[in-house]
Amino acid sequence: MVLSKMEINNGDYSDYGFGYQLETDKNGNSLAWHSGRSRGGRNALIIYPDLKLFICMSTNTNGEGIVNEAEEIANYFIEVLKKG
């Protein structure tokens, strides 16, 4: 999987490309995420390409914060991966 920033017309680079927000977490891990909603549901996908870790959540709620919840789950698995 290749994740990179997109060059825009003025030569700058956008942090948003093909539906994923590209970021670095508080521990320096590169990640890409996307979330969305439809009537009665929320969804989130977080990808840590260097760790080969993918977290996908789908809920039956209109509540906020699903990306934060997915990050908490990811942090658990990152700790497990670090321990080997």
N, C-alpha and C. Protein backbone atom coordinates (compact mmCIF):
# COMPACT_ATOMS: atom_id res chain seq x y z
N MET A 1 0.84 -1.18 0.00
CA MET A 1 0.00 0.00 0.00
C MET A 1 0.88 1.24 0.00
N VAL A 2 0.62 2.14 -0.89
CA VAL A 2 1.37 3.37 -0.98
C VAL A 2 0.49 4.51 -0.49
N LEU A 3 0.99 5.24 0.49
CA LEU A 3 0.29 6.41 0.99
C LEU A 3 1.23 7.60 0.86
N SER A 4 0.80 8.60 0.15
CA SER A 4 1.63 9.79 0.01
C SER A 4 0.74 11.02 -0.12
N LYS A 5 1.33 12.16 0.11
CA LYS A 5 0.60 13.41 -0.03
C LYS A 5 0.45 13.75 -1.51
N MET A 6 -0.63 14.44 -1.83
CA MET A 6 -0.95 14.77 -3.21
C MET A 6 -0.45 16.18 -3.54
N GLU A 7 0.27 16.31 -4.65
CA GLU A 7 0.70 17.63 -5.08
C GLU A 7 -0.47 18.34 -5.76
N ILE A 8 -0.71 19.58 -5.35
CA ILE A 8 -1.80 20.35 -5.95
C ILE A 8 -1.24 21.35 -6.95
N ASN A 9 -2.11 22.03 -7.68
CA ASN A 9 -1.72 22.86 -8.82
C ASN A 9 -0.65 23.89 -8.52
N ASN A 10 -0.61 24.46 -7.31
CA ASN A 10 0.37 25.50 -7.01
C ASN A 10 1.71 24.94 -6.53
N GLY A 11 1.88 23.63 -6.55
CA GLY A 11 3.13 23.00 -6.15
C GLY A 11 3.19 22.60 -4.69
N ASP A 12 2.23 23.06 -3.87
CA ASP A 12 2.14 22.63 -2.48
C ASP A 12 1.61 21.20 -2.43
N TYR A 13 1.63 20.62 -1.24
CA TYR A 13 1.12 19.27 -1.06
C TYR A 13 -0.06 19.29 -0.11
N SER A 14 -1.05 18.52 -0.42
CA SER A 14 -2.24 18.41 0.40
C SER A 14 -2.10 17.21 1.34
N ASP A 15 -2.57 17.35 2.58
CA ASP A 15 -2.59 16.24 3.52
C ASP A 15 -3.75 15.29 3.25
N TYR A 16 -4.58 15.60 2.29
CA TYR A 16 -5.77 14.82 2.01
C TYR A 16 -5.68 14.27 0.60
N GLY A 17 -5.82 12.97 0.46
CA GLY A 17 -5.77 12.38 -0.86
C GLY A 17 -6.55 11.09 -0.92
N PHE A 18 -7.35 10.94 -1.92
CA PHE A 18 -8.15 9.74 -2.15
C PHE A 18 -8.97 9.33 -0.93
N GLY A 19 -9.45 10.31 -0.18
CA GLY A 19 -10.36 10.02 0.91
C GLY A 19 -9.70 9.73 2.24
N TYR A 20 -8.40 9.69 2.33
CA TYR A 20 -7.70 9.42 3.59
C TYR A 20 -7.05 10.68 4.12
N GLN A 21 -7.16 10.90 5.41
CA GLN A 21 -6.39 11.95 6.08
C GLN A 21 -5.06 11.33 6.49
N LEU A 22 -3.94 11.93 6.12
CA LEU A 22 -2.62 11.39 6.43
C LEU A 22 -2.05 12.14 7.62
N GLU A 23 -1.67 11.40 8.66
CA GLU A 23 -1.19 12.02 9.90
C GLU A 23 -0.09 11.17 10.53
N THR A 24 0.42 11.67 11.61
CA THR A 24 1.36 10.95 12.47
C THR A 24 0.76 10.96 13.87
N ASP A 25 0.73 9.81 14.53
CA ASP A 25 0.14 9.77 15.87
C ASP A 25 1.12 10.29 16.92
N LYS A 26 0.69 10.32 18.17
CA LYS A 26 1.51 10.89 19.25
C LYS A 26 2.81 10.14 19.48
N ASN A 27 2.91 8.90 18.96
CA ASN A 27 4.12 8.10 19.10
C ASN A 27 4.99 8.11 17.86
N GLY A 28 4.63 8.93 16.87
CA GLY A 28 5.42 9.04 15.65
C GLY A 28 5.09 8.03 14.57
N ASN A 29 4.01 7.27 14.74
CA ASN A 29 3.61 6.29 13.74
C ASN A 29 2.79 6.96 12.64
N SER A 30 3.13 6.68 11.38
CA SER A 30 2.35 7.19 10.26
C SER A 30 1.02 6.46 10.18
N LEU A 31 -0.04 7.21 9.90
CA LEU A 31 -1.34 6.58 9.77
C LEU A 31 -2.18 7.32 8.75
N ALA A 32 -3.15 6.61 8.22
CA ALA A 32 -4.15 7.18 7.33
C ALA A 32 -5.50 6.79 7.89
N TRP A 33 -6.44 7.73 7.85
CA TRP A 33 -7.77 7.39 8.37
C TRP A 33 -8.86 8.04 7.52
N HIS A 34 -10.02 7.44 7.62
CA HIS A 34 -11.21 7.97 6.96
C HIS A 34 -12.40 7.59 7.81
N SER A 35 -13.35 8.49 7.92
CA SER A 35 -14.59 8.16 8.64
C SER A 35 -15.77 8.67 7.83
N GLY A 36 -16.91 8.15 8.16
CA GLY A 36 -18.12 8.58 7.46
C GLY A 36 -19.34 8.19 8.26
N ARG A 37 -20.46 8.68 7.79
CA ARG A 37 -21.72 8.36 8.46
C ARG A 37 -22.83 8.24 7.44
N SER A 38 -23.81 7.50 7.83
CA SER A 38 -25.06 7.42 7.10
C SER A 38 -26.16 7.39 8.14
N ARG A 39 -27.37 7.41 7.73
CA ARG A 39 -28.47 7.43 8.69
C ARG A 39 -28.36 6.24 9.65
N GLY A 40 -28.14 6.53 10.92
CA GLY A 40 -28.10 5.49 11.93
C GLY A 40 -26.76 4.79 12.08
N GLY A 41 -25.71 5.26 11.43
CA GLY A 41 -24.44 4.56 11.54
C GLY A 41 -23.23 5.45 11.37
N ARG A 42 -22.12 5.03 11.96
CA ARG A 42 -20.83 5.70 11.84
C ARG A 42 -19.80 4.64 11.48
N ASN A 43 -18.80 5.04 10.72
CA ASN A 43 -17.74 4.12 10.29
C ASN A 43 -16.39 4.81 10.38
N ALA A 44 -15.37 4.02 10.66
CA ALA A 44 -14.01 4.56 10.69
C ALA A 44 -13.04 3.49 10.22
N LEU A 45 -12.02 3.92 9.50
CA LEU A 45 -10.94 3.05 9.07
C LEU A 45 -9.64 3.77 9.40
N ILE A 46 -8.76 3.10 10.12
CA ILE A 46 -7.43 3.63 10.42
C ILE A 46 -6.41 2.62 9.93
N ILE A 47 -5.43 3.10 9.17
CA ILE A 47 -4.39 2.24 8.60
C ILE A 47 -3.03 2.74 9.09
N TYR A 48 -2.27 1.83 9.69
CA TYR A 48 -0.87 2.09 10.07
C TYR A 48 -0.02 1.26 9.12
N PRO A 49 0.37 1.82 7.96
CA PRO A 49 1.04 1.00 6.94
C PRO A 49 2.36 0.40 7.40
N ASP A 50 3.16 1.14 8.17
CA ASP A 50 4.46 0.62 8.61
C ASP A 50 4.31 -0.53 9.60
N LEU A 51 3.20 -0.54 10.35
CA LEU A 51 2.96 -1.59 11.33
C LEU A 51 2.10 -2.72 10.77
N LYS A 52 1.62 -2.53 9.53
CA LYS A 52 0.70 -3.49 8.90
C LYS A 52 -0.53 -3.73 9.80
N LEU A 53 -1.06 -2.63 10.33
CA LEU A 53 -2.20 -2.67 11.24
C LEU A 53 -3.35 -1.89 10.63
N PHE A 54 -4.51 -2.53 10.57
CA PHE A 54 -5.72 -1.92 10.04
C PHE A 54 -6.83 -2.05 11.08
N ILE A 55 -7.49 -0.97 11.40
CA ILE A 55 -8.60 -0.98 12.33
C ILE A 55 -9.82 -0.45 11.58
N CYS A 56 -10.88 -1.22 11.57
CA CYS A 56 -12.11 -0.82 10.91
C CYS A 56 -13.25 -0.97 11.91
N MET A 57 -14.05 0.08 12.07
CA MET A 57 -15.19 0.04 12.98
C MET A 57 -16.44 0.48 12.25
N SER A 58 -17.53 -0.18 12.56
CA SER A 58 -18.84 0.21 12.04
C SER A 58 -19.81 0.10 13.20
N THR A 59 -20.57 1.17 13.45
CA THR A 59 -21.47 1.19 14.60
C THR A 59 -22.88 1.60 14.19
N ASN A 60 -23.82 1.21 14.99
CA ASN A 60 -25.22 1.61 14.81
C ASN A 60 -25.52 2.80 15.71
N THR A 61 -24.85 3.90 15.49
CA THR A 61 -25.06 5.10 16.29
C THR A 61 -24.74 6.33 15.46
N ASN A 62 -25.30 7.43 15.82
CA ASN A 62 -24.95 8.70 15.18
C ASN A 62 -23.97 9.48 16.03
N GLY A 63 -23.46 8.87 17.11
CA GLY A 63 -22.57 9.55 18.03
C GLY A 63 -21.26 9.98 17.38
N GLU A 64 -20.59 10.88 18.04
CA GLU A 64 -19.30 11.40 17.57
C GLU A 64 -18.17 10.58 18.19
N GLY A 65 -16.96 10.82 17.73
CA GLY A 65 -15.78 10.26 18.37
C GLY A 65 -15.38 8.87 17.93
N ILE A 66 -15.94 8.35 16.85
CA ILE A 66 -15.59 6.98 16.45
C ILE A 66 -14.13 6.86 16.06
N VAL A 67 -13.54 7.89 15.47
CA VAL A 67 -12.13 7.82 15.10
C VAL A 67 -11.28 7.73 16.37
N ASN A 68 -11.62 8.50 17.40
CA ASN A 68 -10.89 8.42 18.67
C ASN A 68 -11.00 7.03 19.28
N GLU A 69 -12.18 6.44 19.22
CA GLU A 69 -12.36 5.08 19.74
C GLU A 69 -11.53 4.08 18.94
N ALA A 70 -11.50 4.23 17.63
CA ALA A 70 -10.70 3.33 16.79
C ALA A 70 -9.21 3.50 17.10
N GLU A 71 -8.77 4.74 17.39
CA GLU A 71 -7.38 4.97 17.76
C GLU A 71 -7.04 4.30 19.09
N GLU A 72 -7.96 4.31 20.03
CA GLU A 72 -7.73 3.63 21.31
C GLU A 72 -7.54 2.13 21.09
N ILE A 73 -8.35 1.55 20.24
CA ILE A 73 -8.20 0.13 19.91
C ILE A 73 -6.85 -0.10 19.23
N ALA A 74 -6.50 0.76 18.30
CA ALA A 74 -5.21 0.64 17.60
C ALA A 74 -4.06 0.72 18.59
N ASN A 75 -4.13 1.65 19.56
CA ASN A 75 -3.06 1.78 20.55
C ASN A 75 -2.85 0.50 21.34
N TYR A 76 -3.92 -0.21 21.64
CA TYR A 76 -3.79 -1.50 22.33
C TYR A 76 -2.96 -2.46 21.48
N PHE A 77 -3.31 -2.58 20.20
CA PHE A 77 -2.60 -3.51 19.34
C PHE A 77 -1.17 -3.06 19.06
N ILE A 78 -0.93 -1.75 19.01
CA ILE A 78 0.44 -1.26 18.82
C ILE A 78 1.30 -1.68 20.00
N GLU A 79 0.77 -1.58 21.21
CA GLU A 79 1.51 -2.02 22.40
C GLU A 79 1.79 -3.52 22.33
N VAL A 80 0.83 -4.30 21.90
CA VAL A 80 1.03 -5.76 21.75
C VAL A 80 2.13 -6.03 20.71
N LEU A 81 2.12 -5.30 19.59
CA LEU A 81 3.14 -5.48 18.56
C LEU A 81 4.52 -5.11 19.08
N LYS A 82 4.62 -4.07 19.89
CA LYS A 82 5.91 -3.65 20.44
C LYS A 82 6.50 -4.71 21.35
N LYS A 83 5.63 -5.41 22.08
CA LYS A 83 6.11 -6.45 23.01
C LYS A 83 6.61 -7.67 22.27
N GLY A 84 6.13 -7.82 21.02
CA GLY A 84 6.58 -8.94 20.20
C GLY A 84 5.92 -10.18 20.57
